[in-house]
């Protein structure tokens, strides 16, 4: 079965950290660009980070730059998202998505005065993992 599975979410206090994992099953991530998205209740989904398989290029949304770090382990078909200095506004369901455009840079979209990352047309989506930042 071809799928993405996220893990690592949880409840954390403001200023805390989490590490999310996105593991591919049934396919190798070598030929894909992988992005993390998040969605808070009542808000639009937004792309926070993306990594390109061909050259490891990394892209971040304005809202997480300097706080989140994306990385990958192709041998494990896993992409990680390290979340540091978490804020209450980081709360939401975090999804990973994969698109078979491993040689192409990730995309940016501009919305409400900020840049977010995006994929063109993802081939796979995970089911999401909840991140709650609250004291």
Protein backbone atom coordinates (compact mmCIF):
# COMPACT_ATOMS: atom_id res chain seq x y z
CA UNK A 1 0.00 0.00 0.00
CA UNK A 2 1.37 3.38 -1.01
CA UNK A 3 1.04 5.86 1.81
CA UNK A 4 2.63 8.46 4.05
CA UNK A 5 2.43 8.15 7.80
CA UNK A 6 3.13 11.03 10.17
CA UNK A 7 4.06 10.73 13.83
CA UNK A 8 5.54 12.78 16.64
CA UNK A 9 2.79 15.25 17.40
CA UNK A 10 1.65 16.07 20.91
CA UNK A 11 1.00 18.71 23.53
CA UNK A 12 3.86 21.05 24.33
CA UNK A 13 4.26 24.31 26.22
CA UNK A 14 5.16 27.54 24.43
CA UNK A 15 8.89 27.61 23.76
CA UNK A 16 9.07 23.84 23.63
CA UNK A 17 10.10 21.48 20.84
CA UNK A 18 8.78 18.50 18.91
CA UNK A 19 10.10 16.37 16.09
CA UNK A 20 7.65 15.14 13.50
CA UNK A 21 8.32 12.21 11.18
CA UNK A 22 6.83 11.41 7.80
CA UNK A 23 7.54 7.89 6.58
CA UNK A 24 6.73 6.63 3.10
CA UNK A 25 5.41 3.14 2.67
CA UNK A 26 5.40 1.36 -0.67
CA UNK A 27 7.59 3.88 -2.48
CA UNK A 28 10.99 5.51 -2.16
CA UNK A 29 11.19 9.24 -1.46
CA UNK A 30 14.30 9.64 -3.59
CA UNK A 31 12.29 10.91 -6.57
CA UNK A 32 9.87 13.09 -4.66
CA UNK A 33 9.74 16.51 -3.17
CA UNK A 34 8.18 16.34 0.27
CA UNK A 35 6.38 19.15 2.03
CA UNK A 36 4.86 19.70 5.46
CA UNK A 37 1.55 21.51 5.72
CA UNK A 38 -0.51 22.47 8.73
CA UNK A 39 -4.12 23.41 9.31
CA UNK A 40 -5.61 25.06 12.37
CA UNK A 41 -9.34 24.87 13.09
CA UNK A 42 -11.24 27.32 10.91
CA UNK A 43 -8.14 28.33 8.97
CA UNK A 44 -6.75 27.60 5.55
CA UNK A 45 -4.12 24.92 5.14
CA UNK A 46 -0.64 26.39 4.84
CA UNK A 47 2.64 24.91 3.68
CA UNK A 48 5.43 25.38 6.20
CA UNK A 49 8.43 23.57 4.75
CA UNK A 50 9.58 21.55 1.75
CA UNK A 51 12.62 19.53 0.74
CA UNK A 52 13.73 18.52 -2.74
CA UNK A 53 15.09 15.01 -3.16
CA UNK A 54 17.54 15.70 -5.99
CA UNK A 55 19.76 18.25 -4.30
CA UNK A 56 18.34 18.61 -0.79
CA UNK A 57 17.17 22.18 -1.37
CA UNK A 58 15.06 23.40 1.52
CA UNK A 59 12.23 25.91 1.63
CA UNK A 60 10.45 27.48 4.60
CA UNK A 61 7.40 29.63 5.11
CA UNK A 62 8.01 33.07 6.61
CA UNK A 63 6.12 32.09 9.75
CA UNK A 64 8.50 29.25 10.70
CA UNK A 65 11.85 30.38 9.29
CA UNK A 66 14.55 30.15 11.94
CA UNK A 67 12.43 27.92 14.19
CA UNK A 68 11.64 24.80 12.14
CA UNK A 69 14.15 22.53 10.41
CA UNK A 70 13.33 19.97 7.73
CA UNK A 71 15.59 17.03 6.97
CA UNK A 72 15.39 13.66 5.29
CA UNK A 73 16.81 10.16 5.54
CA UNK A 74 16.37 8.52 2.15
CA UNK A 75 17.55 5.18 3.49
CA UNK A 76 14.58 5.20 5.86
CA UNK A 77 12.22 6.90 3.38
CA UNK A 78 11.54 9.42 6.10
CA UNK A 79 11.38 13.21 6.26
CA UNK A 80 11.59 14.98 9.62
CA UNK A 81 10.39 18.35 10.78
CA UNK A 82 12.04 19.69 13.93
CA UNK A 83 9.84 22.28 15.60
CA UNK A 84 11.60 24.60 18.05
CA UNK A 85 10.52 27.71 19.93
CA UNK A 86 6.92 26.70 19.47
CA UNK A 87 4.16 29.27 19.75
CA UNK A 88 0.43 28.83 20.36
CA UNK A 89 -0.18 29.87 16.75
CA UNK A 90 1.76 26.78 15.61
CA UNK A 91 -1.12 24.65 16.86
CA UNK A 92 -2.80 22.54 14.21
CA UNK A 93 -2.81 19.25 12.37
CA UNK A 94 0.44 18.73 10.51
CA UNK A 95 0.36 16.79 7.26
CA UNK A 96 3.12 15.69 4.93
CA UNK A 97 2.66 15.39 1.19
CA UNK A 98 4.78 13.98 -1.62
CA UNK A 99 4.94 14.91 -5.26
CA UNK A 100 6.96 13.03 -7.87
CA UNK A 101 8.91 16.09 -8.99
CA UNK A 102 12.12 15.27 -7.19
CA UNK A 103 14.25 17.46 -9.42
CA UNK A 104 12.13 20.59 -9.21
CA UNK A 105 12.37 23.33 -6.61
CA UNK A 106 9.46 23.65 -4.25
CA UNK A 107 7.00 26.45 -4.89
CA UNK A 108 6.09 29.53 -2.92
CA UNK A 109 2.72 31.19 -2.71
CA UNK A 110 2.07 34.66 -1.33
CA UNK A 111 -0.99 35.13 0.84
CA UNK A 112 -1.96 37.79 3.35
CA UNK A 113 1.47 39.35 3.32
CA UNK A 114 3.47 36.17 3.87
CA UNK A 115 5.13 33.48 1.79
CA UNK A 116 4.16 29.84 2.22
CA UNK A 117 5.54 26.77 0.52
CA UNK A 118 3.48 24.67 -1.84
CA UNK A 119 3.50 21.66 -4.11
CA UNK A 120 1.86 21.60 -7.51
CA UNK A 121 -0.26 18.47 -7.29
CA UNK A 122 0.76 16.05 -4.53
CA UNK A 123 0.59 12.36 -5.31
CA UNK A 124 0.26 11.32 -1.66
CA UNK A 125 -0.94 12.84 1.59
CA UNK A 126 -0.58 11.56 5.11
CA UNK A 127 -3.44 11.54 7.59
CA UNK A 128 -1.86 14.11 9.86
CA UNK A 129 -0.56 14.44 13.39
CA UNK A 130 -1.88 16.92 15.95
CA UNK A 131 0.42 19.55 17.44
CA UNK A 132 -0.96 21.58 20.33
CA UNK A 133 1.05 24.40 21.87
CA UNK A 134 -0.49 25.53 25.12
CA UNK A 135 0.41 26.32 28.70
